[in-house]
Protein backbone atom coordinates (compact mmCIF):
# COMPACT_ATOMS: atom_id res chain seq x y z
CA UNK A 1 65.25 101.60 70.56
CA UNK A 2 67.88 99.64 72.49
CA UNK A 3 69.71 101.60 75.15
CA UNK A 4 73.32 100.70 76.02
CA UNK A 5 74.11 99.01 79.28
CA UNK A 6 75.63 101.32 81.85
CA UNK A 7 76.60 101.66 85.51
CA UNK A 8 77.12 104.78 87.68
CA UNK A 9 80.70 106.03 87.87
CA UNK A 10 81.82 105.92 91.53
CA UNK A 11 83.53 108.73 93.42
CA UNK A 12 87.16 107.65 92.87
CA UNK A 13 86.50 107.38 89.12
CA UNK A 14 84.81 110.79 88.96
CA UNK A 15 87.60 112.58 90.74
CA UNK A 16 90.33 110.91 88.68
CA UNK A 17 88.57 111.95 85.46
CA UNK A 18 88.10 115.58 86.50
CA UNK A 19 91.69 115.97 87.67
CA UNK A 20 92.25 116.38 83.91
CA UNK A 21 92.17 120.12 84.54
CA UNK A 22 95.68 119.99 86.02
CA UNK A 23 97.28 117.03 84.21
CA UNK A 24 96.57 114.41 81.55
CA UNK A 25 95.32 111.34 83.45
CA UNK A 26 96.52 108.86 80.81
CA UNK A 27 99.04 106.25 82.05
CA UNK A 28 101.08 103.68 80.16
CA UNK A 29 103.06 100.57 81.07
CA UNK A 30 105.72 99.79 78.47
CA UNK A 31 107.37 96.38 77.91
CA UNK A 32 110.46 95.61 75.82
CA UNK A 33 110.77 91.99 74.63
CA UNK A 34 113.72 90.38 72.85
CA UNK A 35 111.57 89.03 70.03
CA UNK A 36 108.19 89.20 68.34
CA UNK A 37 104.83 88.26 69.83
CA UNK A 38 102.13 86.75 67.66
CA UNK A 39 100.24 89.91 66.71
CA UNK A 40 97.08 88.04 65.75
CA UNK A 41 96.78 86.38 69.15
CA UNK A 42 97.72 89.62 70.94
CA UNK A 43 94.92 91.46 69.15
CA UNK A 44 92.51 88.62 69.88
CA UNK A 45 93.51 88.69 73.54
CA UNK A 46 92.76 92.43 73.63
CA UNK A 47 89.29 91.94 72.12
CA UNK A 48 88.55 89.03 74.47
CA UNK A 49 89.39 91.23 77.46
CA UNK A 50 86.92 93.86 76.27
CA UNK A 51 84.30 91.18 75.74
CA UNK A 52 84.86 89.86 79.27
CA UNK A 53 84.87 93.22 81.10
CA UNK A 54 81.99 95.66 80.45
CA UNK A 55 83.92 98.57 81.95
CA UNK A 56 86.74 98.08 79.44
CA UNK A 57 84.26 98.32 76.57
CA UNK A 58 82.66 101.49 77.94
CA UNK A 59 83.03 105.23 77.78
CA UNK A 60 82.75 107.82 80.55
CA UNK A 61 79.34 109.31 79.71
CA UNK A 62 78.12 112.65 81.03
CA UNK A 63 74.49 113.66 80.79
CA UNK A 64 71.94 115.55 82.86
CA UNK A 65 72.62 113.52 85.99
CA UNK A 66 75.71 111.86 87.44
CA UNK A 67 78.23 110.38 84.96
CA UNK A 68 78.23 106.67 84.22
CA UNK A 69 80.21 103.98 82.45
CA UNK A 70 78.28 103.27 79.27
CA UNK A 71 79.02 100.45 76.82
CA UNK A 72 80.08 101.40 73.30
CA UNK A 73 79.20 99.54 70.07
CA UNK A 74 81.41 96.55 69.27
CA UNK A 75 82.45 98.22 66.02
CA UNK A 76 84.39 100.75 68.12
CA UNK A 77 86.37 98.14 70.05
CA UNK A 78 89.03 98.02 67.32
CA UNK A 79 90.47 101.26 68.71
CA UNK A 80 91.82 99.16 71.60
CA UNK A 81 94.59 97.65 69.45
CA UNK A 82 97.27 99.48 67.45
CA UNK A 83 99.99 97.75 65.41
CA UNK A 84 102.96 99.89 64.34
CA UNK A 85 105.31 98.21 61.88
CA UNK A 86 109.02 99.16 61.60
CA UNK A 87 108.18 101.72 58.91
CA UNK A 88 105.46 103.33 61.04
CA UNK A 89 107.45 103.88 64.24
CA UNK A 90 110.64 105.61 65.23
CA UNK A 91 113.43 103.68 66.91
CA UNK A 92 112.12 102.66 70.30
CA UNK A 93 113.80 103.49 73.58
CA UNK A 94 113.16 102.61 77.22
CA UNK A 95 111.69 104.70 78.62
CA UNK A 96 110.41 106.53 75.53
CA UNK A 97 111.41 110.15 75.03
CA UNK A 98 107.82 111.12 74.24
CA UNK A 99 104.67 109.61 75.78
CA UNK A 100 102.17 107.81 73.54
CA UNK A 101 98.95 109.57 72.60
CA UNK A 102 96.43 110.15 75.41
CA UNK A 103 93.41 107.89 75.83
CA UNK A 104 90.03 109.59 75.44
CA UNK A 105 88.04 108.43 78.47
CA UNK A 106 84.80 109.82 76.99
CA UNK A 107 85.09 107.83 73.76
CA UNK A 108 86.27 104.47 75.04
CA UNK A 109 87.32 101.74 75.12
CA UNK A 110 89.22 102.08 78.39
CA UNK A 111 92.26 100.09 77.27
CA UNK A 112 94.68 100.46 74.39
CA UNK A 113 97.35 97.94 73.46
CA UNK A 114 100.05 99.23 71.11
CA UNK A 115 102.43 96.77 69.45
CA UNK A 116 105.49 98.65 68.17
CA UNK A 117 107.50 96.28 65.99
CA UNK A 118 111.20 96.63 65.31
CA UNK A 119 113.43 94.33 63.29
CA UNK A 120 114.35 92.03 66.18
CA UNK A 121 112.16 93.12 69.08
CA UNK A 122 108.69 94.21 70.13
CA UNK A 123 107.65 97.01 72.43
CA UNK A 124 104.19 96.55 73.94
CA UNK A 125 102.45 99.53 75.55
CA UNK A 126 99.29 99.04 77.59
CA UNK A 127 97.43 102.31 78.12
CA UNK A 128 94.54 103.29 80.38
CA UNK A 129 93.03 106.43 81.88
CA UNK A 130 93.30 107.18 85.60
CA UNK A 131 89.51 107.58 85.62
CA UNK A 132 89.32 103.87 84.90
CA UNK A 133 92.20 102.52 87.01
CA UNK A 134 95.21 103.57 89.06
CA UNK A 135 98.79 102.44 88.38
CA UNK A 136 98.19 99.21 90.27
CA UNK A 137 95.13 98.54 88.13
CA UNK A 138 97.13 99.26 84.97
CA UNK A 139 99.76 96.72 86.04
CA UNK A 140 97.04 94.12 86.67
CA UNK A 141 95.47 94.93 83.30
CA UNK A 142 98.76 94.18 81.53
CA UNK A 143 99.21 90.98 83.52
CA UNK A 144 95.74 89.81 82.47
CA UNK A 145 96.44 90.70 78.84
CA UNK A 146 99.57 88.56 78.67
CA UNK A 147 97.91 85.70 80.57
CA UNK A 148 95.04 85.74 78.06
CA UNK A 149 97.49 85.83 75.14
CA UNK A 150 99.39 82.84 76.52
CA UNK A 151 96.18 80.85 77.04
CA UNK A 152 95.13 81.55 73.45
CA UNK A 153 98.41 80.12 72.17
CA UNK A 154 97.58 76.88 73.97
CA UNK A 155 93.87 76.92 73.10
CA UNK A 156 92.61 79.26 70.34
CA UNK A 157 89.06 78.82 71.67
CA UNK A 158 89.97 80.17 75.12
CA UNK A 159 87.69 82.86 76.55
CA UNK A 160 88.45 84.69 79.81
CA UNK A 161 85.78 84.47 82.49
CA UNK A 162 83.32 87.40 82.21
CA UNK A 163 83.66 89.86 85.08
CA UNK A 164 80.20 91.40 84.88
CA UNK A 165 79.63 94.88 86.26
CA UNK A 166 81.79 94.49 89.37
CA UNK A 167 81.62 96.95 92.27
CA UNK A 168 84.16 99.76 91.78
CA UNK A 169 82.77 102.01 94.52
CA UNK A 170 84.19 102.60 97.99
CA UNK A 171 81.22 100.74 99.51
CA UNK A 172 83.07 97.40 100.06
CA UNK A 173 85.95 99.31 101.66
CA UNK A 174 83.74 101.53 103.83
CA UNK A 175 81.83 98.46 105.02
CA UNK A 176 84.96 97.45 106.98
CA UNK A 177 84.51 100.38 109.39
CA UNK A 178 82.14 101.38 112.16
CA UNK A 179 80.31 104.69 112.31
CA UNK A 180 82.73 105.76 115.02
CA UNK A 181 85.71 104.93 112.79
CA UNK A 182 84.24 107.15 110.10
CA UNK A 183 83.50 109.99 112.50
CA UNK A 184 87.09 109.99 113.75
CA UNK A 185 88.50 109.80 110.20
CA UNK A 186 86.39 112.72 109.02
CA UNK A 187 87.48 114.79 112.01
CA UNK A 188 91.15 114.10 111.26
CA UNK A 189 90.91 114.71 107.50
CA UNK A 190 92.01 118.22 106.66
CA UNK A 191 92.35 120.04 103.35
CA UNK A 192 95.67 119.97 101.54
CA UNK A 193 97.57 123.26 101.83
CA UNK A 194 99.63 124.23 98.76
CA UNK A 195 102.73 126.17 99.75
CA UNK A 196 105.13 125.80 96.81
CA UNK A 197 105.46 124.59 93.22
CA UNK A 198 107.97 123.46 90.64
CA UNK A 199 109.64 126.40 88.81
CA UNK A 200 107.74 127.13 85.60
CA UNK A 201 108.85 129.07 82.54
CA UNK A 202 105.31 130.09 81.59
CA UNK A 203 101.68 129.08 81.91
CA UNK A 204 99.75 127.05 79.35
CA UNK A 205 100.48 123.87 77.44
CA UNK A 206 103.49 122.58 75.55
CA UNK A 207 105.04 119.41 74.11
CA UNK A 208 104.61 116.25 76.23
CA UNK A 209 107.96 114.66 77.12
CA UNK A 210 109.42 111.98 79.36
CA UNK A 211 112.51 112.36 81.54
CA UNK A 212 113.98 109.56 83.64
CA UNK A 213 117.01 108.12 85.38
CA UNK A 214 117.60 104.44 86.09
CA UNK A 215 119.73 103.69 89.14
CA UNK A 216 121.83 100.54 89.33
CA UNK A 217 121.14 97.62 91.69
CA UNK A 218 124.19 98.77 93.67
CA UNK A 219 122.41 102.04 94.40
CA UNK A 220 119.42 100.13 95.70
CA UNK A 221 121.66 98.17 98.03
CA UNK A 222 123.26 101.41 99.26
CA UNK A 223 119.81 102.85 99.91
CA UNK A 224 118.78 99.73 101.81
CA UNK A 225 121.92 99.98 103.96
CA UNK A 226 121.09 103.62 104.74
CA UNK A 227 117.55 102.54 105.57
CA UNK A 228 118.74 99.93 108.06
CA UNK A 229 120.79 102.60 109.84
CA UNK A 230 117.79 104.93 110.12
CA UNK A 231 114.91 102.45 110.36
CA UNK A 232 113.65 103.78 107.05
CA UNK A 233 112.12 102.10 104.01
CA UNK A 234 113.11 102.76 100.40
CA UNK A 235 109.89 104.72 100.09
CA UNK A 236 110.91 106.92 103.06
CA UNK A 237 114.32 107.56 101.50
CA UNK A 238 112.81 108.44 98.12
CA UNK A 239 110.34 110.86 99.73
CA UNK A 240 113.22 112.57 101.55
CA UNK A 241 115.40 112.81 98.41
CA UNK A 242 112.43 114.08 96.38
CA UNK A 243 111.73 116.77 98.98
CA UNK A 244 115.37 117.90 99.19
CA UNK A 245 115.68 118.04 95.40
CA UNK A 246 112.51 120.10 95.20
CA UNK A 247 113.75 122.57 97.78
CA UNK A 248 117.09 122.85 95.98
CA UNK A 249 115.66 123.32 92.48
CA UNK A 250 113.48 126.17 93.76
CA UNK A 251 116.38 127.91 95.54
CA UNK A 252 113.89 130.09 97.40
CA UNK A 253 114.95 131.42 100.85
CA UNK A 254 111.26 131.51 101.82
CA UNK A 255 111.26 127.70 101.92
CA UNK A 256 114.03 127.41 104.50
CA UNK A 257 112.76 126.48 107.96
CA UNK A 258 109.12 126.76 106.89
CA UNK A 259 106.58 123.93 106.54
CA UNK A 260 106.40 122.59 103.00
CA UNK A 261 104.45 119.58 101.77
CA UNK A 262 104.46 116.94 99.09
CA UNK A 263 101.65 114.57 98.21
CA UNK A 264 102.28 110.86 98.06
CA UNK A 265 100.04 107.89 97.42
CA UNK A 266 99.08 104.66 99.12
CA UNK A 267 97.64 101.59 97.41
CA UNK A 268 94.74 100.09 99.38
CA UNK A 269 95.27 96.68 97.77
CA UNK A 270 98.01 95.78 100.23
CA UNK A 271 96.08 96.42 103.48
CA UNK A 272 92.96 94.84 101.95
CA UNK A 273 94.88 91.66 101.14
CA UNK A 274 96.49 91.67 104.57
CA UNK A 275 93.03 91.92 106.11
CA UNK A 276 92.04 88.70 104.34
CA UNK A 277 90.05 90.19 101.49
CA UNK A 278 91.70 88.20 98.71
CA UNK A 279 90.79 84.84 100.23
CA UNK A 280 87.21 85.84 101.02
CA UNK A 281 87.61 85.77 104.79
CA UNK A 282 84.63 86.80 106.86
CA UNK A 283 84.24 90.45 107.67
CA UNK A 284 86.33 91.72 104.78
CA UNK A 285 85.47 93.65 101.64
CA UNK A 286 83.96 92.09 98.53
CA UNK A 287 85.94 93.63 95.68
CA UNK A 288 85.96 91.48 92.56
CA UNK A 289 89.06 89.38 91.89
CA UNK A 290 90.12 87.42 88.84
CA UNK A 291 91.11 83.76 88.53
CA UNK A 292 94.51 84.41 90.13
CA UNK A 293 93.05 86.29 93.11
CA UNK A 294 94.18 89.71 91.85
CA UNK A 295 91.76 92.62 91.94
CA UNK A 296 89.94 93.60 88.79
CA UNK A 297 91.32 96.90 87.40
CA UNK A 298 89.94 99.88 89.29
CA UNK A 299 90.96 102.88 91.39
CA UNK A 300 92.12 101.75 94.84
CA UNK A 301 94.72 104.42 95.62
CA UNK A 302 94.53 107.43 97.93
CA UNK A 303 96.74 110.46 98.50
CA UNK A 304 98.08 111.96 101.70
CA UNK A 305 100.35 114.85 102.61
CA UNK A 306 103.87 114.69 104.01
CA UNK A 307 104.75 118.06 105.56
CA UNK A 308 108.38 118.73 106.54
CA UNK A 309 110.33 121.68 107.90
CA UNK A 310 113.89 121.69 106.61
CA UNK A 311 116.82 124.01 107.21
CA UNK A 312 119.38 125.35 104.78
CA UNK A 313 121.83 122.90 103.15
CA UNK A 314 120.08 119.90 104.71
CA UNK A 315 120.91 116.38 103.60
CA UNK A 316 119.23 112.99 103.87
CA UNK A 317 120.40 112.37 107.43
CA UNK A 318 118.85 115.68 108.56
CA UNK A 319 115.29 114.94 107.42
CA UNK A 320 114.86 111.17 107.25
CA UNK A 321 113.66 111.10 110.87
CA UNK A 322 110.80 113.49 110.07
CA UNK A 323 109.77 111.34 107.11
CA UNK A 324 109.81 108.02 108.99
CA UNK A 325 107.79 109.50 111.85
CA UNK A 326 105.03 110.54 109.43
CA UNK A 327 105.00 107.33 107.38
CA UNK A 328 105.02 105.12 110.48
CA UNK A 329 102.04 107.02 111.83
CA UNK A 330 100.26 106.49 108.53
CA UNK A 331 101.13 102.79 108.39
CA UNK A 332 99.81 102.38 111.92
CA UNK A 333 96.41 103.41 110.57
CA UNK A 334 96.38 100.24 108.44
CA UNK A 335 93.14 99.94 106.51
CA UNK A 336 91.98 103.29 107.89
CA UNK A 337 94.80 105.09 106.02
CA UNK A 338 92.46 105.82 103.12
CA UNK A 339 89.26 106.24 105.10
CA UNK A 340 89.30 110.02 105.39
CA UNK A 341 90.11 110.44 101.69
CA UNK A 342 87.31 108.06 100.65
CA UNK A 343 84.77 109.79 102.89
CA UNK A 344 85.84 113.21 101.58
CA UNK A 345 85.19 112.14 97.98
CA UNK A 346 81.90 110.44 98.86
CA UNK A 347 80.62 113.46 100.78
CA UNK A 348 81.13 115.76 97.78
CA UNK A 349 79.67 113.27 95.28
CA UNK A 350 76.59 112.67 97.45
CA UNK A 351 75.42 116.23 96.79
CA UNK A 352 75.55 115.89 93.00
CA UNK A 353 77.41 117.28 90.01
CA UNK A 354 77.10 120.99 90.92
CA UNK A 355 79.08 120.32 94.11
CA UNK A 356 81.72 118.33 92.20
CA UNK A 357 82.12 121.09 89.63
CA UNK A 358 82.25 123.69 92.38
CA UNK A 359 85.04 121.74 94.11
CA UNK A 360 87.16 121.58 90.97
CA UNK A 361 86.43 125.21 90.08
CA UNK A 362 87.58 126.23 93.54
CA UNK A 363 90.70 124.09 93.35
CA UNK A 364 91.67 125.45 89.95
CA UNK A 365 90.93 129.04 91.00
CA UNK A 366 93.19 128.56 94.00
CA UNK A 367 96.07 127.47 91.76
CA UNK A 368 95.46 130.44 89.47
CA UNK A 369 95.34 132.87 92.39
CA UNK A 370 98.29 131.80 94.51
CA UNK A 371 100.35 129.98 91.86
CA UNK A 372 101.11 127.12 94.22
CA UNK A 373 100.65 123.36 93.77
CA UNK A 374 102.36 120.82 95.99
CA UNK A 375 104.36 118.23 94.00
CA UNK A 376 103.43 114.54 93.97
CA UNK A 377 105.66 111.51 94.47
CA UNK A 378 104.24 108.08 93.63
CA UNK A 379 106.03 104.82 94.42
CA UNK A 380 104.52 102.32 91.99
CA UNK A 381 106.54 99.50 93.53
CA UNK A 382 108.29 96.46 92.13
CA UNK A 383 107.48 95.24 88.63
CA UNK A 384 108.22 91.51 88.69
CA UNK A 385 108.99 89.38 85.64
CA UNK A 386 106.85 86.53 86.95
CA UNK A 387 103.77 88.79 86.81
CA UNK A 388 104.02 88.92 83.00
CA UNK A 389 105.94 85.79 82.02
CA UNK A 390 106.15 83.17 80.60
CA UNK A 391 105.31 84.46 77.14
CA UNK A 392 105.80 82.64 73.87
CA UNK A 393 106.64 84.51 70.69
CA UNK A 394 106.45 83.50 67.06
CA UNK A 395 108.13 80.23 66.15
CA UNK A 396 107.26 79.01 69.69
CA UNK A 397 110.27 80.79 71.17
CA UNK A 398 110.09 81.83 74.85
CA UNK A 399 110.45 85.60 75.13
CA UNK A 400 112.71 87.49 77.50
CA UNK A 401 111.37 90.63 79.15
CA UNK A 402 114.28 93.01 78.73
CA UNK A 403 112.73 96.01 80.45
CA UNK A 404 109.44 97.41 81.75
CA UNK A 405 108.43 100.82 83.07
CA UNK A 406 105.31 102.80 83.87
CA UNK A 407 104.88 106.23 82.29
CA UNK A 408 102.99 108.51 84.70
CA UNK A 409 100.46 111.23 83.95
CA UNK A 410 101.76 114.23 81.96
CA UNK A 411 101.79 117.44 84.03
CA UNK A 412 101.84 121.13 83.17
CA UNK A 413 102.04 124.12 85.54
CA UNK A 414 101.39 124.03 88.29
CA UNK A 415 101.22 120.25 88.61
CA UNK A 416 104.34 118.13 89.00
CA UNK A 417 104.68 114.37 89.50
CA UNK A 418 107.62 112.00 89.82
CA UNK A 419 107.12 108.25 89.95
CA UNK A 420 109.39 105.41 91.04
CA UNK A 421 109.30 101.82 89.87
CA UNK A 422 111.76 98.99 90.39
CA UNK A 423 112.63 96.21 87.95
CA UNK A 424 115.38 93.64 88.57
CA UNK A 425 116.65 95.73 91.50
CA UNK A 426 117.13 98.79 89.27
CA UNK A 427 115.13 101.81 90.39
CA UNK A 428 113.77 104.17 87.74
CA UNK A 429 112.68 107.69 88.63
CA UNK A 430 110.53 109.21 85.92
CA UNK A 431 108.45 112.28 85.23
CA UNK A 432 106.15 113.19 82.33
CA UNK A 433 105.83 116.91 81.68
CA UNK A 434 105.03 119.49 79.01
CA UNK A 435 108.10 121.21 77.63
CA UNK A 436 107.70 124.93 77.10
CA UNK A 437 105.81 125.58 80.33
CA UNK A 438 108.54 123.48 81.95
CA UNK A 439 112.18 123.64 80.91
CA UNK A 440 113.76 120.34 79.83
CA UNK A 441 117.03 121.55 81.37
CA UNK A 442 115.29 122.25 84.70
CA UNK A 443 113.56 118.86 84.70
CA UNK A 444 116.82 117.02 84.01
CA UNK A 445 118.54 119.07 86.71
CA UNK A 446 115.83 118.05 89.17
CA UNK A 447 116.22 114.33 88.46
CA UNK A 448 119.99 114.72 88.83
CA UNK A 449 119.40 116.29 92.25
CA UNK A 450 117.19 113.39 93.36
CA UNK A 451 119.97 111.05 92.22
CA UNK A 452 122.56 113.14 94.09
CA UNK A 453 120.64 113.17 97.38
CA UNK A 454 120.16 109.39 97.38
CA UNK A 455 122.83 107.32 99.18
């Protein structure tokens, strides 16, 4: 009997799979083009990517021991490509009103490309599970897909370079630190304290929906001007507006003047590149990169808390100083920003699956008992045309990328997540939620408040 090839699932992957108890970890990046791609070459590009990357052609397998990434039969790869003709799909919108179907991490493959064809345009959705990659990894996955497609148009025999079973663990990152660095980071790392939550109509599950607002380039310029006055970044300003909108939508006197927290994320790719990792400099990590020097898709993001104390009827000017103080302290940590988080995950995983299950049982029980879950804000960053273009459509016509956005994980009570991405200087704030447990009216009101608090 031939056993499938497999590799252990590292700590970041394990945790991002098991967070499924509080949200759906599926993510999507959606592209709108002004014409039609060659569907045959797009499907071939998808299959070639699975052939090149063993993790993409795997499932998250759970057995008696620790979970692993386990290859699936080639006959099951076809699930990675879906073609919806005009008669099969509703009129497309950007962003969509409803998220695409979730990706089953335990079935595989770990990538799904959906071509939604309309009369004069194509919408391409690249889907992955957070257990496989974070939002940065999803972006890189889409970039690789289109690069492979474009190479196939020039040379139908093109094959991307095989990645092999590359290291997805925190080991290359942890190798950058001394034992003393780790001791200090562990001492500083404290548990997150949940003190509030988004207003819910009821518990349970509902209908997945998307809500968003796209802000004009003029709004971005106004935000930048405000940032220059207060020595604040766009990320700082968005954190502040998100916090104020959350406090306002709750309208709870208990929040006024009391410490309240949000979670936000940091992508380790940037400090790793700044440390010289991408060019292979001595003393840096050894994460696998592709032909362009970009990291192979994986989880390289960490979370940290921003705790603020805000008075009644506060505005952006009143709290931006608190935000910048915290984020500057975090930035000063550089590479060590994610060290405590990585060590926390590794420490739990080192003791085996019972400890991991106990951690998630305890976390979920806490939410059930106190009904609190701090909200999450994620700044995905700038989505640049040059990362995905040039692309050639049918009849050899160069395609224009009309729009692109990332659809975040779908949340239900008590989880709540808002993401920000920027394309052509237009900022899009977006949340994916389950209607029923959450009110569509309340969600739209919240996004309007974020808009209102921004400069």
